[in-house]
Amino acid sequence: MSKLAKKEVLHVAKLARLTLSPEEEEKYAKQLSQVVEYVGELAEVNTEGVEPTSQTTGLTDVFRTDELKGQDNLSKENALSGSDKIHNGYFVVDAVLSEKGEK
């Protein structure tokens, strides 16, 4: 197993904006070396004749059209009847955003 140099581990840590202790540097050097070695093994796998694939389950996105279902629909009047804050046929709700500086 080839071991990553301390310099390479520190470079990766810097890219990830991590500060590592000396113990962590050693630990991650070992782990990253194992990952790099495994990727090297994958590069040697013979994929001749294997079709490229992005997923293996065979499932696809399924969309359906929205359909109105008679009695399941709530009329506007019925929906508004449960609120005491209505203006011009719409629900009135408290503001959740304010202008900068307002409280």
PDB file of N, CA and C in Angstrom:
ATOM      1  N   MET A   1       0.849  -1.178   0.000  1.00  0.00           N
ATOM      2  CA  MET A   1       0.000   0.000   0.000  1.00  0.00           C
ATOM      3  C   MET A   1       0.890   1.236   0.000  1.00  0.00           C
ATOM      4  N   SER A   2       0.665   2.132  -0.954  1.00  0.00           N
ATOM      5  CA  SER A   2       1.423   3.373  -0.975  1.00  0.00           C
ATOM      6  C   SER A   2       0.770   4.352  -0.007  1.00  0.00           C
ATOM      7  N   LYS A   3       1.595   5.023   0.737  1.00  0.00           N
ATOM      8  CA  LYS A   3       1.062   5.934   1.747  1.00  0.00           C
ATOM      9  C   LYS A   3       1.134   7.361   1.225  1.00  0.00           C
ATOM     10  N   LEU A   4       0.058   8.092   1.444  1.00  0.00           N
ATOM     11  CA  LEU A   4       0.060   9.492   1.051  1.00  0.00           C
ATOM     12  C   LEU A   4       1.025  10.264   1.939  1.00  0.00           C
ATOM     13  N   ALA A   5       1.697  11.214   1.353  1.00  0.00           N
ATOM     14  CA  ALA A   5       2.613  12.051   2.112  1.00  0.00           C
ATOM     15  C   ALA A   5       1.823  13.003   3.001  1.00  0.00           C
ATOM     16  N   LYS A   6       2.447  13.390   4.097  1.00  0.00           N
ATOM     17  CA  LYS A   6       1.815  14.324   5.032  1.00  0.00           C
ATOM     18  C   LYS A   6       1.387  15.597   4.295  1.00  0.00           C
ATOM     19  N   LYS A   7       2.210  16.012   3.348  1.00  0.00           N
ATOM     20  CA  LYS A   7       1.927  17.223   2.576  1.00  0.00           C
ATOM     21  C   LYS A   7       0.598  17.085   1.823  1.00  0.00           C
ATOM     22  N   GLU A   8       0.347  15.910   1.249  1.00  0.00           N
ATOM     23  CA  GLU A   8      -0.900  15.677   0.504  1.00  0.00           C
ATOM     24  C   GLU A   8      -2.112  15.675   1.433  1.00  0.00           C
ATOM     25  N   VAL A   9      -1.965  15.068   2.602  1.00  0.00           N
ATOM     26  CA  VAL A   9      -3.058  15.047   3.578  1.00  0.00           C
ATOM     27  C   VAL A   9      -3.369  16.470   4.038  1.00  0.00           C
ATOM     28  N   LEU A  10      -2.350  17.237   4.309  1.00  0.00           N
ATOM     29  CA  LEU A  10      -2.561  18.623   4.740  1.00  0.00           C
ATOM     30  C   LEU A  10      -3.204  19.452   3.635  1.00  0.00           C
ATOM     31  N   HIS A  11      -2.858  19.156   2.390  1.00  0.00           N
ATOM     32  CA  HIS A  11      -3.472  19.864   1.263  1.00  0.00           C
ATOM     33  C   HIS A  11      -4.968  19.560   1.184  1.00  0.00           C
ATOM     34  N   VAL A  12      -5.335  18.284   1.315  1.00  0.00           N
ATOM     35  CA  VAL A  12      -6.753  17.901   1.298  1.00  0.00           C
ATOM     36  C   VAL A  12      -7.475  18.541   2.477  1.00  0.00           C
ATOM     37  N   ALA A  13      -6.852  18.543   3.644  1.00  0.00           N
ATOM     38  CA  ALA A  13      -7.458  19.158   4.828  1.00  0.00           C
ATOM     39  C   ALA A  13      -7.678  20.651   4.606  1.00  0.00           C
ATOM     40  N   LYS A  14      -6.714  21.295   3.972  1.00  0.00           N
ATOM     41  CA  LYS A  14      -6.850  22.726   3.695  1.00  0.00           C
ATOM     42  C   LYS A  14      -8.015  22.978   2.738  1.00  0.00           C
ATOM     43  N   LEU A  15      -8.149  22.141   1.706  1.00  0.00           N
ATOM     44  CA  LEU A  15      -9.260  22.284   0.763  1.00  0.00           C
ATOM     45  C   LEU A  15     -10.602  22.120   1.468  1.00  0.00           C
ATOM     46  N   ALA A  16     -10.645  21.240   2.473  1.00  0.00           N
ATOM     47  CA  ALA A  16     -11.872  20.994   3.227  1.00  0.00           C
ATOM     48  C   ALA A  16     -11.999  21.958   4.409  1.00  0.00           C
ATOM     49  N   ARG A  17     -11.027  22.841   4.547  1.00  0.00           N
ATOM     50  CA  ARG A  17     -10.986  23.816   5.643  1.00  0.00           C
ATOM     51  C   ARG A  17     -11.035  23.137   7.008  1.00  0.00           C
ATOM     52  N   LEU A  18     -10.196  22.119   7.143  1.00  0.00           N
ATOM     53  CA  LEU A  18     -10.087  21.378   8.396  1.00  0.00           C
ATOM     54  C   LEU A  18      -8.727  21.632   9.024  1.00  0.00           C
ATOM     55  N   THR A  19      -8.709  21.724  10.329  1.00  0.00           N
ATOM     56  CA  THR A  19      -7.463  21.785  11.068  1.00  0.00           C
ATOM     57  C   THR A  19      -7.269  20.428  11.721  1.00  0.00           C
ATOM     58  N   LEU A  20      -6.150  19.784  11.426  1.00  0.00           N
ATOM     59  CA  LEU A  20      -5.913  18.434  11.920  1.00  0.00           C
ATOM     60  C   LEU A  20      -4.821  18.415  12.978  1.00  0.00           C
ATOM     61  N   SER A  21      -5.029  17.594  13.981  1.00  0.00           N
ATOM     62  CA  SER A  21      -3.980  17.342  14.969  1.00  0.00           C
ATOM     63  C   SER A  21      -2.981  16.375  14.337  1.00  0.00           C
ATOM     64  N   PRO A  22      -1.791  16.249  14.908  1.00  0.00           N
ATOM     65  CA  PRO A  22      -0.824  15.282  14.364  1.00  0.00           C
ATOM     66  C   PRO A  22      -1.382  13.854  14.322  1.00  0.00           C
ATOM     67  N   GLU A  23      -2.177  13.486  15.327  1.00  0.00           N
ATOM     68  CA  GLU A  23      -2.781  12.151  15.342  1.00  0.00           C
ATOM     69  C   GLU A  23      -3.760  11.985  14.182  1.00  0.00           C
ATOM     70  N   GLU A  24      -4.542  13.034  13.930  1.00  0.00           N
ATOM     71  CA  GLU A  24      -5.511  12.985  12.827  1.00  0.00           C
ATOM     72  C   GLU A  24      -4.799  12.931  11.480  1.00  0.00           C
ATOM     73  N   GLU A  25      -3.697  13.661  11.365  1.00  0.00           N
ATOM     74  CA  GLU A  25      -2.929  13.626  10.119  1.00  0.00           C
ATOM     75  C   GLU A  25      -2.513  12.192   9.804  1.00  0.00           C
ATOM     76  N   GLU A  26      -2.015  11.490  10.808  1.00  0.00           N
ATOM     77  CA  GLU A  26      -1.578  10.102  10.628  1.00  0.00           C
ATOM     78  C   GLU A  26      -2.764   9.204  10.291  1.00  0.00           C
ATOM     79  N   LYS A  27      -3.848   9.381  11.020  1.00  0.00           N
ATOM     80  CA  LYS A  27      -5.054   8.565  10.816  1.00  0.00           C
ATOM     81  C   LYS A  27      -5.605   8.753   9.405  1.00  0.00           C
ATOM     82  N   TYR A  28      -5.743  10.024   8.986  1.00  0.00           N
ATOM     83  CA  TYR A  28      -6.325  10.299   7.674  1.00  0.00           C
ATOM     84  C   TYR A  28      -5.369   9.949   6.540  1.00  0.00           C
ATOM     85  N   ALA A  29      -4.076  10.027   6.794  1.00  0.00           N
ATOM     86  CA  ALA A  29      -3.111   9.603   5.773  1.00  0.00           C
ATOM     87  C   ALA A  29      -3.318   8.127   5.472  1.00  0.00           C
ATOM     88  N   LYS A  30      -3.509   7.335   6.520  1.00  0.00           N
ATOM     89  CA  LYS A  30      -3.734   5.901   6.343  1.00  0.00           C
ATOM     90  C   LYS A  30      -5.053   5.648   5.612  1.00  0.00           C
ATOM     91  N   GLN A  31      -6.125   6.323   6.055  1.00  0.00           N
ATOM     92  CA  GLN A  31      -7.442   6.111   5.446  1.00  0.00           C
ATOM     93  C   GLN A  31      -7.465   6.553   3.980  1.00  0.00           C
ATOM     94  N   LEU A  32      -6.914   7.718   3.697  1.00  0.00           N
ATOM     95  CA  LEU A  32      -6.904   8.207   2.316  1.00  0.00           C
ATOM     96  C   LEU A  32      -6.043   7.316   1.428  1.00  0.00           C
ATOM     97  N   SER A  33      -4.966   6.797   1.973  1.00  0.00           N
ATOM     98  CA  SER A  33      -4.129   5.868   1.208  1.00  0.00           C
ATOM     99  C   SER A  33      -4.922   4.630   0.824  1.00  0.00           C
ATOM    100  N   GLN A  34      -5.737   4.132   1.759  1.00  0.00           N
ATOM    101  CA  GLN A  34      -6.567   2.963   1.473  1.00  0.00           C
ATOM    102  C   GLN A  34      -7.599   3.276   0.388  1.00  0.00           C
ATOM    103  N   VAL A  35      -8.180   4.458   0.441  1.00  0.00           N
ATOM    104  CA  VAL A  35      -9.164   4.858  -0.572  1.00  0.00           C
ATOM    105  C   VAL A  35      -8.500   4.943  -1.943  1.00  0.00           C
ATOM    106  N   VAL A  36      -7.351   5.586  -2.008  1.00  0.00           N
ATOM    107  CA  VAL A  36      -6.634   5.722  -3.282  1.00  0.00           C
ATOM    108  C   VAL A  36      -6.247   4.348  -3.821  1.00  0.00           C
ATOM    109  N   GLU A  37      -5.816   3.457  -2.942  1.00  0.00           N
ATOM    110  CA  GLU A  37      -5.457   2.103  -3.370  1.00  0.00           C
ATOM    111  C   GLU A  37      -6.675   1.380  -3.933  1.00  0.00           C
ATOM    112  N   TYR A  38      -7.816   1.521  -3.283  1.00  0.00           N
ATOM    113  CA  TYR A  38      -9.036   0.858  -3.756  1.00  0.00           C
ATOM    114  C   TYR A  38      -9.469   1.402  -5.113  1.00  0.00           C
ATOM    115  N   VAL A  39      -9.377   2.709  -5.286  1.00  0.00           N
ATOM    116  CA  VAL A  39      -9.722   3.305  -6.578  1.00  0.00           C
ATOM    117  C   VAL A  39      -8.791   2.757  -7.656  1.00  0.00           C
ATOM    118  N   GLY A  40      -7.531   2.561  -7.314  1.00  0.00           N
ATOM    119  CA  GLY A  40      -6.591   1.958  -8.254  1.00  0.00           C
ATOM    120  C   GLY A  40      -7.003   0.547  -8.643  1.00  0.00           C
ATOM    121  N   GLU A  41      -7.506  -0.219  -7.669  1.00  0.00           N
ATOM    122  CA  GLU A  41      -7.990  -1.572  -7.961  1.00  0.00           C
ATOM    123  C   GLU A  41      -9.199  -1.512  -8.895  1.00  0.00           C
ATOM    124  N   LEU A  42     -10.083  -0.567  -8.661  1.00  0.00           N
ATOM    125  CA  LEU A  42     -11.265  -0.426  -9.522  1.00  0.00           C
ATOM    126  C   LEU A  42     -10.870  -0.082 -10.949  1.00  0.00           C
ATOM    127  N   ALA A  43      -9.808   0.703 -11.092  1.00  0.00           N
ATOM    128  CA  ALA A  43      -9.354   1.093 -12.428  1.00  0.00           C
ATOM    129  C   ALA A  43      -8.869  -0.114 -13.225  1.00  0.00           C
ATOM    130  N   GLU A  44      -8.489  -1.185 -12.529  1.00  0.00           N
ATOM    131  CA  GLU A  44      -7.981  -2.376 -13.202  1.00  0.00           C
ATOM    132  C   GLU A  44      -9.080  -3.367 -13.580  1.00  0.00           C
ATOM    133  N   VAL A  45     -10.307  -3.124 -13.150  1.00  0.00           N
ATOM    134  CA  VAL A  45     -11.410  -4.045 -13.440  1.00  0.00           C
ATOM    135  C   VAL A  45     -11.709  -4.028 -14.936  1.00  0.00           C
ATOM    136  N   ASN A  46     -11.840  -5.199 -15.527  1.00  0.00           N
ATOM    137  CA  ASN A  46     -12.147  -5.316 -16.948  1.00  0.00           C
ATOM    138  C   ASN A  46     -13.643  -5.058 -17.149  1.00  0.00           C
ATOM    139  N   THR A  47     -13.958  -3.973 -17.800  1.00  0.00           N
ATOM    140  CA  THR A  47     -15.357  -3.629 -18.068  1.00  0.00           C
ATOM    141  C   THR A  47     -15.687  -3.761 -19.550  1.00  0.00           C
ATOM    142  N   GLU A  48     -14.859  -4.473 -20.263  1.00  0.00           N
ATOM    143  CA  GLU A  48     -15.095  -4.694 -21.694  1.00  0.00           C
ATOM    144  C   GLU A  48     -16.451  -5.361 -21.884  1.00  0.00           C
ATOM    145  N   GLY A  49     -17.279  -4.793 -22.728  1.00  0.00           N
ATOM    146  CA  GLY A  49     -18.581  -5.367 -23.037  1.00  0.00           C
ATOM    147  C   GLY A  49     -19.670  -5.052 -22.022  1.00  0.00           C
ATOM    148  N   VAL A  50     -19.358  -4.280 -21.001  1.00  0.00           N
ATOM    149  CA  VAL A  50     -20.363  -3.915 -20.000  1.00  0.00           C
ATOM    150  C   VAL A  50     -20.965  -2.575 -20.399  1.00  0.00           C
ATOM    151  N   GLU A  51     -22.292  -2.539 -20.512  1.00  0.00           N
ATOM    152  CA  GLU A  51     -22.948  -1.294 -20.895  1.00  0.00           C
ATOM    153  C   GLU A  51     -22.888  -0.290 -19.753  1.00  0.00           C
ATOM    154  N   PRO A  52     -22.619   0.970 -20.073  1.00  0.00           N
ATOM    155  CA  PRO A  52     -22.639   1.999 -19.031  1.00  0.00           C
ATOM    156  C   PRO A  52     -24.042   2.103 -18.430  1.00  0.00           C
ATOM    157  N   THR A  53     -24.103   2.368 -17.153  1.00  0.00           N
ATOM    158  CA  THR A  53     -25.395   2.528 -16.492  1.00  0.00           C
ATOM    159  C   THR A  53     -25.280   3.578 -15.403  1.00  0.00           C
ATOM    160  N   SER A  54     -26.365   4.274 -15.171  1.00  0.00           N
ATOM    161  CA  SER A  54     -26.363   5.270 -14.106  1.00  0.00           C
ATOM    162  C   SER A  54     -27.140   4.787 -12.898  1.00  0.00           C
ATOM    163  N   GLN A  55     -27.889   3.704 -13.060  1.00  0.00           N
ATOM    164  CA  GLN A  55     -28.602   3.101 -11.938  1.00  0.00           C
ATOM    165  C   GLN A  55     -28.904   1.656 -12.277  1.00  0.00           C
ATOM    166  N   THR A  56     -29.205   0.856 -11.273  1.00  0.00           N
ATOM    167  CA  THR A  56     -29.321  -0.578 -11.509  1.00  0.00           C
ATOM    168  C   THR A  56     -30.677  -1.172 -11.174  1.00  0.00           C
ATOM    169  N   THR A  57     -31.600  -0.380 -10.666  1.00  0.00           N
ATOM    170  CA  THR A  57     -32.875  -0.945 -10.222  1.00  0.00           C
ATOM    171  C   THR A  57     -33.894  -1.092 -11.333  1.00  0.00           C
ATOM    172  N   GLY A  58     -33.728  -0.323 -12.415  1.00  0.00           N
ATOM    173  CA  GLY A  58     -34.711  -0.359 -13.491  1.00  0.00           C
ATOM    174  C   GLY A  58     -35.895   0.557 -13.240  1.00  0.00           C
ATOM    175  N   LEU A  59     -35.917   1.198 -12.081  1.00  0.00           N
ATOM    176  CA  LEU A  59     -37.020   2.105 -11.772  1.00  0.00           C
ATOM    177  C   LEU A  59     -36.838   3.419 -12.520  1.00  0.00           C
ATOM    178  N   THR A  60     -37.942   4.017 -12.896  1.00  0.00           N
ATOM    179  CA  THR A  60     -37.904   5.321 -13.544  1.00  0.00           C
ATOM    180  C   THR A  60     -38.818   6.264 -12.786  1.00  0.00           C
ATOM    181  N   ASP A  61     -38.617   7.551 -12.998  1.00  0.00           N
ATOM    182  CA  ASP A  61     -39.502   8.531 -12.377  1.00  0.00           C
ATOM    183  C   ASP A  61     -40.895   8.361 -12.948  1.00  0.00           C
ATOM    184  N   VAL A  62     -41.861   8.354 -12.079  1.00  0.00           N
ATOM    185  CA  VAL A  62     -43.239   8.180 -12.516  1.00  0.00           C
ATOM    186  C   VAL A  62     -44.013   9.439 -12.143  1.00  0.00           C
ATOM    187  N   PHE A  63     -44.566  10.063 -13.129  1.00  0.00           N
ATOM    188  CA  PHE A  63     -45.375  11.250 -12.903  1.00  0.00           C
ATOM    189  C   PHE A  63     -46.809  10.932 -13.287  1.00  0.00           C
ATOM    190  N   ARG A  64     -47.726  11.533 -12.609  1.00  0.00           N
ATOM    191  CA  ARG A  64     -49.129  11.357 -12.963  1.00  0.00           C
ATOM    192  C   ARG A  64     -49.742  12.740 -13.123  1.00  0.00           C
ATOM    193  N   THR A  65     -50.788  12.806 -13.890  1.00  0.00           N
ATOM    194  CA  THR A  65     -51.472  14.080 -14.053  1.00  0.00           C
ATOM    195  C   THR A  65     -52.359  14.317 -12.840  1.00  0.00           C
ATOM    196  N   ASP A  66     -52.481  15.559 -12.454  1.00  0.00           N
ATOM    197  CA  ASP A  66     -53.377  15.913 -11.357  1.00  0.00           C
ATOM    198  C   ASP A  66     -54.807  15.786 -11.842  1.00  0.00           C
ATOM    199  N   GLU A  67     -55.616  15.120 -11.062  1.00  0.00           N
ATOM    200  CA  GLU A  67     -57.011  14.934 -11.430  1.00  0.00           C
ATOM    201  C   GLU A  67     -57.905  15.382 -10.284  1.00  0.00           C
ATOM    202  N   LEU A  68     -58.991  16.054 -10.634  1.00  0.00           N
ATOM    203  CA  LEU A  68     -59.983  16.428  -9.634  1.00  0.00           C
ATOM    204  C   LEU A  68     -60.832  15.213  -9.322  1.00  0.00           C
ATOM    205  N   LYS A  69     -61.106  15.008  -8.058  1.00  0.00           N
ATOM    206  CA  LYS A  69     -61.910  13.863  -7.657  1.00  0.00           C
ATOM    207  C   LYS A  69     -63.129  14.368  -6.894  1.00  0.00           C
ATOM    208  N   GLY A  70     -64.160  14.731  -7.623  1.00  0.00           N
ATOM    209  CA  GLY A  70     -65.457  15.170  -7.116  1.00  0.00           C
ATOM    210  C   GLY A  70     -65.553  15.509  -5.650  1.00  0.00           C
ATOM    211  N   GLN A  71     -66.028  14.570  -4.824  1.00  0.00           N
ATOM    212  CA  GLN A  71     -66.310  14.842  -3.427  1.00  0.00           C
ATOM    213  C   GLN A  71     -65.050  15.090  -2.602  1.00  0.00           C
ATOM    214  N   ASP A  72     -63.879  14.737  -3.110  1.00  0.00           N
ATOM    215  CA  ASP A  72     -62.646  14.964  -2.362  1.00  0.00           C
ATOM    216  C   ASP A  72     -62.202  16.423  -2.414  1.00  0.00           C
ATOM    217  N   ASN A  73     -62.795  17.207  -3.310  1.00  0.00           N
ATOM    218  CA  ASN A  73     -62.402  18.599  -3.459  1.00  0.00           C
ATOM    219  C   ASN A  73     -63.110  19.463  -2.434  1.00  0.00           C
ATOM    220  N   LEU A  74     -62.392  20.424  -1.904  1.00  0.00           N
ATOM    221  CA  LEU A  74     -62.942  21.351  -0.930  1.00  0.00           C
ATOM    222  C   LEU A  74     -63.255  22.657  -1.657  1.00  0.00           C
ATOM    223  N   SER A  75     -64.494  23.111  -1.539  1.00  0.00           N
ATOM    224  CA  SER A  75     -64.863  24.363  -2.212  1.00  0.00           C
ATOM    225  C   SER A  75     -64.170  25.533  -1.521  1.00  0.00           C
ATOM    226  N   LYS A  76     -64.024  26.619  -2.255  1.00  0.00           N
ATOM    227  CA  LYS A  76     -63.385  27.806  -1.699  1.00  0.00           C
ATOM    228  C   LYS A  76     -64.146  28.286  -0.472  1.00  0.00           C
ATOM    229  N   GLU A  77     -65.457  28.314  -0.575  1.00  0.00           N
ATOM    230  CA  GLU A  77     -66.279  28.785   0.541  1.00  0.00           C
ATOM    231  C   GLU A  77     -66.109  27.879   1.759  1.00  0.00           C
ATOM    232  N   ASN A  78     -66.090  26.587   1.515  1.00  0.00           N
ATOM    233  CA  ASN A  78     -65.934  25.638   2.611  1.00  0.00           C
ATOM    234  C   ASN A  78     -64.557  25.786   3.271  1.00  0.00           C
ATOM    235  N   ALA A  79     -63.531  25.989   2.463  1.00  0.00           N
ATOM    236  CA  ALA A  79     -62.183  26.165   2.996  1.00  0.00           C
ATOM    237  C   ALA A  79     -62.089  27.436   3.827  1.00  0.00           C
ATOM    238  N   LEU A  80     -62.668  28.520   3.324  1.00  0.00           N
ATOM    239  CA  LEU A  80     -62.602  29.801   4.028  1.00  0.00           C
ATOM    240  C   LEU A  80     -63.471  29.820   5.278  1.00  0.00           C
ATOM    241  N   SER A  81     -64.460  28.954   5.353  1.00  0.00           N
ATOM    242  CA  SER A  81     -65.384  28.970   6.490  1.00  0.00           C
ATOM    243  C   SER A  81     -64.687  28.624   7.806  1.00  0.00           C
ATOM    244  N   GLY A  82     -63.543  28.019   7.756  1.00  0.00           N
ATOM    245  CA  GLY A  82     -62.833  27.652   8.975  1.00  0.00           C
ATOM    246  C   GLY A  82     -61.905  28.729   9.499  1.00  0.00           C
ATOM    247  N   SER A  83     -61.897  29.898   8.875  1.00  0.00           N
ATOM    248  CA  SER A  83     -60.990  30.962   9.296  1.00  0.00           C
ATOM    249  C   SER A  83     -61.763  32.210   9.661  1.00  0.00           C
ATOM    250  N   ASP A  84     -61.296  32.902  10.689  1.00  0.00           N
ATOM    251  CA  ASP A  84     -61.928  34.172  11.044  1.00  0.00           C
ATOM    252  C   ASP A  84     -61.178  35.354  10.441  1.00  0.00           C
ATOM    253  N   LYS A  85     -60.071  35.089   9.733  1.00  0.00           N
ATOM    254  CA  LYS A  85     -59.298  36.155   9.088  1.00  0.00           C
ATOM    255  C   LYS A  85     -59.392  35.984   7.576  1.00  0.00           C
ATOM    256  N   ILE A  86     -60.367  36.678   6.970  1.00  0.00           N
ATOM    257  CA  ILE A  86     -60.595  36.600   5.524  1.00  0.00           C
ATOM    258  C   ILE A  86     -60.723  38.021   4.993  1.00  0.00           C
ATOM    259  N   HIS A  87     -60.134  38.260   3.817  1.00  0.00           N
ATOM    260  CA  HIS A  87     -60.255  39.569   3.175  1.00  0.00           C
ATOM    261  C   HIS A  87     -60.385  39.348   1.674  1.00  0.00           C
ATOM    262  N   ASN A  88     -61.458  39.850   1.090  1.00  0.00           N
ATOM    263  CA  ASN A  88     -61.716  39.737  -0.348  1.00  0.00           C
ATOM    264  C   ASN A  88     -61.607  38.296  -0.857  1.00  0.00           C
ATOM    265  N   GLY A  89     -62.090  37.352  -0.067  1.00  0.00           N
ATOM    266  CA  GLY A  89     -62.106  35.965  -0.504  1.00  0.00           C
ATOM    267  C   GLY A  89     -60.788  35.228  -0.361  1.00  0.00           C
ATOM    268  N   TYR A  90     -59.863  35.760   0.438  1.00  0.00           N
ATOM    269  CA  TYR A  90     -58.565  35.119   0.665  1.00  0.00           C
ATOM    270  C   TYR A  90     -58.276  35.041   2.159  1.00  0.00           C
ATOM    271  N   PHE A  91     -57.464  34.063   2.552  1.00  0.00           N
ATOM    272  CA  PHE A  91     -57.008  33.980   3.933  1.00  0.00           C
ATOM    273  C   PHE A  91     -56.095  35.156   4.233  1.00  0.00           C
ATOM    274  N   VAL A  92     -56.158  35.684   5.429  1.00  0.00           N
ATOM    275  CA  VAL A  92     -55.241  36.713   5.891  1.00  0.00           C
ATOM    276  C   VAL A  92     -54.307  36.047   6.905  1.00  0.00           C
ATOM    277  N   VAL A  93     -53.012  36.195   6.679  1.00  0.00           N
ATOM    278  CA  VAL A  93     -52.032  35.600   7.591  1.00  0.00           C
ATOM    279  C   VAL A  93     -51.095  36.681   8.104  1.00  0.00           C
ATOM    280  N   ASP A  94     -50.517  36.439   9.270  1.00  0.00           N
ATOM    281  CA  ASP A  94     -49.568  37.390   9.836  1.00  0.00           C
ATOM    282  C   ASP A  94     -48.289  37.395   9.002  1.00  0.00           C
ATOM    283  N   ALA A  95     -47.652  38.552   8.925  1.00  0.00           N
ATOM    284  CA  ALA A  95     -46.401  38.681   8.178  1.00  0.00           C
ATOM    285  C   ALA A  95     -45.312  37.847   8.844  1.00  0.00           C
ATOM    286  N   VAL A  96     -44.514  37.183   8.041  1.00  0.00           N
ATOM    287  CA  VAL A  96     -43.395  36.412   8.578  1.00  0.00           C
ATOM    288  C   VAL A  96     -42.053  37.054   8.229  1.00  0.00           C
ATOM    289  N   LEU A  97     -42.053  37.970   7.296  1.00  0.00           N
ATOM    290  CA  LEU A  97     -40.852  38.697   6.908  1.00  0.00           C
ATOM    291  C   LEU A  97     -41.082  40.172   7.158  1.00  0.00           C
ATOM    292  N   SER A  98     -40.012  40.882   7.453  1.00  0.00           N
ATOM    293  CA  SER A  98     -40.142  42.318   7.665  1.00  0.00           C
ATOM    294  C   SER A  98     -39.017  43.025   6.934  1.00  0.00           C
ATOM    295  N   GLU A  99     -39.174  44.315   6.793  1.00  0.00           N
ATOM    296  CA  GLU A  99     -38.129  45.115   6.160  1.00  0.00           C
ATOM    297  C   GLU A  99     -36.913  45.152   7.081  1.00  0.00           C
ATOM    298  N   LYS A 100     -35.753  45.354   6.515  1.00  0.00           N
ATOM    299  CA  LYS A 100     -34.528  45.393   7.305  1.00  0.00           C
ATOM    300  C   LYS A 100     -34.642  46.495   8.355  1.00  0.00           C
ATOM    301  N   GLY A 101     -34.344  46.158   9.575  1.00  0.00           N
ATOM    302  CA  GLY A 101     -34.393  47.137  10.657  1.00  0.00           C
ATOM    303  C   GLY A 101     -35.709  47.142  11.411  1.00  0.00           C
ATOM    304  N   GLU A 102     -36.788  46.609  10.832  1.00  0.00           N
ATOM    305  CA  GLU A 102     -38.073  46.552  11.525  1.00  0.00           C
ATOM    306  C   GLU A 102     -38.089  45.373  12.476  1.00  0.00           C
ATOM    307  N   LYS A 103     -38.838  45.518  13.554  1.00  0.00           N
ATOM    308  CA  LYS A 103     -38.982  44.401  14.494  1.00  0.00           C
ATOM    309  C   LYS A 103     -40.423  44.142  14.768  1.00  0.00           C
TER     310      LYS A 103
END
